[in-house]
Amino acid sequence: MDESRALQRAGWAGAASVVLLAAGVALGYLVGVDDPGMSDSEILQRLNDDTRQAAAGFGPPVLAAGVALLLWFATGLRHVLDRLSGGDPLAHAIVPAAALFGGLIITGVSLDVGSAFAAWSNEFTPDPNTVRALGMSGQVLALTGLIGCGVLVAVTTRITQQAGTLPRWATWASYVVVALCLSGFWSGGMASVAFALWLIGAVVGVLRTARQTQDVPSKGTPATGAAPTPPTTPTD
């Protein structure tokens, strides 16, 4: 597979990951408890609602698909950063950082919706206090996973800044995203939204790189419109 096509697919995988990650979290929220002040009756109503349970059942697999696509995108982004930096070892942190985020967010959402799945079996009597504890544990884990996002953004920003390919305003905006992600739990939903917007920008960057790579003729192939090299006449 040629390089430009591989980068294009990685870029579109990143775009799809944004949609699936948002959808997976939203589906889990239908039965999850992220507010310890929620009343007992409201918690039990959410857990025992068959429609909410069925919808939330799609949450973990949708989220897992989003994480898989994010890892695919991360491999393409790492390739772009390798080219920009000339093989800087810092770029190797991209994929593990995405994996850290993916692993913690899946674990967090699973803890949050676990009580609803257990209630669906009709063999489990939910306790509101237990549900609160699991819900808050899941939230803390998922928000802690934003540290991986912060590493991903920081590495990308540093390498593109050194290569001079990122405007100054975009550089500072990216570092703000890093600060929000590293403050994770305290920044609440702001960090998640900021990372999603940054990820969309990174997807655009990878797709542009793929287009530029496609426009560059491969080594040994004359560019379109270039005059062919005349054959040389052997001399005696």
Protein backbone atom coordinates (compact mmCIF):
# COMPACT_ATOMS: atom_id res chain seq x y z
CA MET A 1 0.00 0.00 0.00
CA ASP A 2 1.44 3.43 -0.92
CA GLU A 3 2.19 5.95 1.79
CA SER A 4 -0.43 8.54 0.85
CA ARG A 5 -3.26 6.00 0.87
CA ALA A 6 -2.15 4.64 4.25
CA LEU A 7 -2.13 8.14 5.73
CA GLN A 8 -5.55 8.91 4.25
CA ARG A 9 -7.04 5.83 5.86
CA ALA A 10 -5.40 6.66 9.18
CA GLY A 11 -6.79 10.19 8.96
CA TRP A 12 -10.35 9.03 8.28
CA ALA A 13 -9.99 6.51 11.10
CA GLY A 14 -9.21 9.42 13.41
CA ALA A 15 -12.30 11.30 12.23
CA ALA A 16 -14.49 8.25 12.84
CA SER A 17 -12.95 7.74 16.28
CA VAL A 18 -14.15 11.17 17.41
CA VAL A 19 -17.74 10.23 16.53
CA LEU A 20 -17.62 6.77 18.08
CA LEU A 21 -15.93 7.89 21.29
CA ALA A 22 -18.53 10.60 21.81
CA ALA A 23 -21.36 8.16 21.03
CA GLY A 24 -19.98 5.50 23.38
CA VAL A 25 -19.68 7.92 26.30
CA ALA A 26 -23.17 9.32 25.61
CA LEU A 27 -24.72 5.85 25.57
CA GLY A 28 -23.06 4.96 28.87
CA TYR A 29 -24.31 8.20 30.42
CA LEU A 30 -27.91 7.02 29.96
CA VAL A 31 -27.52 4.71 32.98
CA GLY A 32 -24.32 6.02 34.53
CA VAL A 33 -24.13 8.09 37.69
CA ASP A 34 -21.60 10.91 37.59
CA ASP A 35 -23.25 13.07 40.27
CA PRO A 36 -23.09 11.73 43.83
CA GLY A 37 -25.90 14.12 44.77
CA MET A 38 -28.40 12.30 42.55
CA SER A 39 -31.38 11.06 44.57
CA ASP A 40 -31.82 7.35 45.32
CA SER A 41 -35.10 7.20 43.42
CA GLU A 42 -33.58 8.76 40.30
CA ILE A 43 -30.65 6.33 40.37
CA LEU A 44 -32.95 3.32 40.66
CA GLN A 45 -35.20 4.65 37.92
CA ARG A 46 -32.23 4.99 35.54
CA LEU A 47 -30.92 1.53 36.35
CA ASN A 48 -34.27 -0.24 35.95
CA ASP A 49 -35.35 1.48 32.75
CA ASP A 50 -35.30 -1.24 30.05
CA THR A 51 -34.90 1.28 27.22
CA ARG A 52 -31.90 2.93 28.86
CA GLN A 53 -30.37 -0.46 29.65
CA ALA A 54 -30.71 -1.62 26.05
CA ALA A 55 -29.21 1.61 24.68
CA ALA A 56 -26.34 1.55 27.18
CA GLY A 57 -25.56 -2.01 26.14
CA PHE A 58 -24.18 -0.62 22.89
CA GLY A 59 -21.93 1.80 24.76
CA PRO A 60 -18.86 -0.38 25.53
CA PRO A 61 -18.57 -1.97 22.05
CA VAL A 62 -19.02 1.41 20.34
CA LEU A 63 -16.40 2.88 22.67
CA ALA A 64 -14.01 -0.02 21.98
CA ALA A 65 -14.39 0.53 18.23
CA GLY A 66 -13.61 4.22 18.73
CA VAL A 67 -10.47 3.41 20.71
CA ALA A 68 -9.33 0.95 18.02
CA LEU A 69 -9.75 3.63 15.34
CA LEU A 70 -7.92 6.14 17.54
CA LEU A 71 -4.96 3.75 17.75
CA TRP A 72 -5.02 3.40 13.96
CA PHE A 73 -4.92 7.18 13.66
CA ALA A 74 -2.10 7.37 16.21
CA THR A 75 0.09 5.11 14.07
CA GLY A 76 -0.46 7.41 11.08
CA LEU A 77 0.25 10.50 13.18
CA ARG A 78 3.43 8.92 14.49
CA HIS A 79 4.58 8.30 10.91
CA VAL A 80 4.00 11.95 10.05
CA LEU A 81 5.92 13.07 13.13
CA ASP A 82 8.78 10.69 12.32
CA ARG A 83 9.11 12.34 8.92
CA LEU A 84 9.00 15.85 10.38
CA SER A 85 11.52 15.15 13.12
CA GLY A 86 13.85 12.87 11.21
CA GLY A 87 13.17 9.98 13.59
CA ASP A 88 12.95 11.72 16.97
CA PRO A 89 12.38 8.99 19.64
CA LEU A 90 9.83 11.32 21.28
CA ALA A 91 7.36 10.37 18.55
CA HIS A 92 7.32 6.80 19.89
CA ALA A 93 5.17 7.99 22.81
CA ILE A 94 2.19 8.70 20.53
CA VAL A 95 0.70 5.20 20.31
CA PRO A 96 1.22 4.25 24.01
CA ALA A 97 -0.38 7.55 25.04
CA ALA A 98 -3.46 6.80 22.91
CA ALA A 99 -3.57 3.28 24.38
CA LEU A 100 -3.42 4.67 27.93
CA PHE A 101 -6.39 6.92 27.22
CA GLY A 102 -8.34 4.12 25.51
CA GLY A 103 -7.76 1.58 28.27
CA LEU A 104 -8.79 3.90 31.09
CA ILE A 105 -11.87 5.30 29.38
CA ILE A 106 -13.18 1.81 28.56
CA THR A 107 -12.57 0.73 32.17
CA GLY A 108 -14.23 3.85 33.52
CA VAL A 109 -17.35 3.55 31.38
CA SER A 110 -17.60 -0.18 32.15
CA LEU A 111 -17.61 0.53 35.90
CA ASP A 112 -20.23 3.20 35.40
CA VAL A 113 -22.66 0.98 33.48
CA GLY A 114 -21.89 -2.29 35.26
CA SER A 115 -24.68 -1.89 37.82
CA ALA A 116 -27.26 -1.35 35.08
CA PHE A 117 -26.14 -4.50 33.28
CA ALA A 118 -26.37 -6.45 36.53
CA ALA A 119 -29.88 -5.07 37.17
CA TRP A 120 -30.94 -6.16 33.69
CA SER A 121 -30.41 -9.79 34.71
CA ASN A 122 -33.11 -9.48 37.41
CA GLU A 123 -30.71 -11.33 39.75
CA PHE A 124 -29.24 -8.19 41.31
CA THR A 125 -30.84 -5.61 43.59
CA PRO A 126 -29.10 -2.28 43.01
CA ASP A 127 -27.97 -0.31 46.02
CA PRO A 128 -27.84 3.46 45.31
CA ASN A 129 -24.73 4.00 47.43
CA THR A 130 -22.84 1.22 45.64
CA VAL A 131 -23.91 2.64 42.30
CA ARG A 132 -22.68 6.09 43.34
CA ALA A 133 -19.29 4.69 44.35
CA LEU A 134 -18.89 2.75 41.10
CA GLY A 135 -20.05 5.71 39.05
CA MET A 136 -17.57 8.10 40.65
CA SER A 137 -14.78 5.53 40.36
CA GLY A 138 -15.52 5.20 36.67
CA GLN A 139 -15.54 8.96 36.21
CA VAL A 140 -12.19 9.38 37.97
CA LEU A 141 -10.61 6.63 35.85
CA ALA A 142 -11.97 8.03 32.59
CA LEU A 143 -10.85 11.57 33.38
CA THR A 144 -7.44 10.29 34.49
CA GLY A 145 -7.12 8.75 31.03
CA LEU A 146 -6.98 12.29 29.67
CA ILE A 147 -3.34 12.30 30.80
CA GLY A 148 -2.68 10.08 27.78
CA CYS A 149 -4.39 12.69 25.61
CA GLY A 150 -2.17 15.36 27.14
CA VAL A 151 0.95 13.39 26.26
CA LEU A 152 -0.31 12.84 22.70
CA VAL A 153 -0.99 16.55 22.22
CA ALA A 154 2.27 17.65 23.88
CA VAL A 155 4.47 15.37 21.77
CA THR A 156 2.73 16.36 18.55
CA THR A 157 2.92 20.06 19.37
CA ARG A 158 6.58 19.93 20.35
CA ILE A 159 7.69 18.15 17.18
CA THR A 160 5.60 20.32 14.83
CA GLN A 161 6.83 23.43 16.63
CA GLN A 162 10.45 22.39 16.16
CA ALA A 163 9.76 21.65 12.49
CA GLY A 164 8.16 25.09 12.06
CA THR A 165 4.96 23.66 10.57
CA LEU A 166 2.54 24.88 13.25
CA PRO A 167 1.39 28.54 13.51
CA ARG A 168 2.18 30.28 16.76
CA TRP A 169 -1.47 30.63 17.78
CA ALA A 170 -2.06 26.92 17.16
CA THR A 171 1.02 26.06 19.21
CA TRP A 172 -0.19 28.00 22.25
CA ALA A 173 -3.74 26.70 21.83
CA SER A 174 -2.35 23.15 21.82
CA TYR A 175 -0.42 23.76 25.02
CA VAL A 176 -3.63 25.01 26.63
CA VAL A 177 -5.24 21.70 25.62
CA VAL A 178 -2.32 19.88 27.24
CA ALA A 179 -2.85 21.81 30.50
CA LEU A 180 -6.57 20.99 30.47
CA CYS A 181 -5.94 17.29 29.83
CA LEU A 182 -3.33 17.04 32.58
CA SER A 183 -5.72 18.68 35.03
CA GLY A 184 -8.27 16.06 33.88
CA PHE A 185 -10.67 15.63 36.76
CA TRP A 186 -10.65 19.30 37.80
CA SER A 187 -11.31 20.64 34.31
CA GLY A 188 -14.34 18.37 33.96
CA GLY A 189 -15.86 18.21 30.51
CA MET A 190 -13.76 21.12 29.19
CA ALA A 191 -10.72 18.88 28.71
CA SER A 192 -12.71 16.29 26.77
CA VAL A 193 -14.19 18.91 24.43
CA ALA A 194 -10.82 20.61 23.96
CA PHE A 195 -9.14 17.31 23.09
CA ALA A 196 -11.91 16.41 20.63
CA LEU A 197 -11.44 19.75 18.84
CA TRP A 198 -7.67 19.27 18.79
CA LEU A 199 -8.09 15.76 17.43
CA ILE A 200 -10.21 17.08 14.56
CA GLY A 201 -7.42 19.53 13.75
CA ALA A 202 -4.84 16.72 13.86
CA VAL A 203 -6.99 14.66 11.49
CA VAL A 204 -7.04 17.56 9.03
CA GLY A 205 -3.25 17.80 9.32
CA VAL A 206 -2.73 14.10 8.58
CA LEU A 207 -5.10 14.24 5.58
CA ARG A 208 -3.26 17.29 4.20
CA THR A 209 0.05 15.47 4.61
CA ALA A 210 -1.41 12.48 2.76
CA ARG A 211 -2.48 14.76 -0.12
CA GLN A 212 0.95 16.40 -0.28
CA THR A 213 2.62 12.99 -0.26
CA GLN A 214 0.42 11.93 -3.19
CA ASP A 215 1.41 15.03 -5.14
CA VAL A 216 5.12 14.33 -4.75
CA PRO A 217 6.37 11.95 -7.49
CA SER A 218 7.98 8.77 -6.29
CA LYS A 219 11.72 8.45 -6.50
CA GLY A 220 12.88 7.67 -10.01
CA THR A 221 9.55 8.66 -11.58
CA PRO A 222 9.52 11.89 -13.62
CA ALA A 223 6.94 14.46 -12.56
CA THR A 224 3.93 15.04 -14.78
CA GLY A 225 4.87 17.24 -17.71
CA ALA A 226 8.59 16.76 -17.25
CA ALA A 227 10.58 16.07 -20.36
CA PRO A 228 11.97 12.56 -20.54
CA THR A 229 15.69 12.17 -20.22
CA PRO A 230 17.16 11.58 -23.69
CA PRO A 231 19.06 8.34 -24.14
CA THR A 232 22.80 8.64 -24.13
CA THR A 233 24.83 7.39 -27.06
CA PRO A 234 27.62 5.07 -26.01
CA THR A 235 31.06 6.26 -27.05
CA ASP A 236 33.73 4.02 -28.30
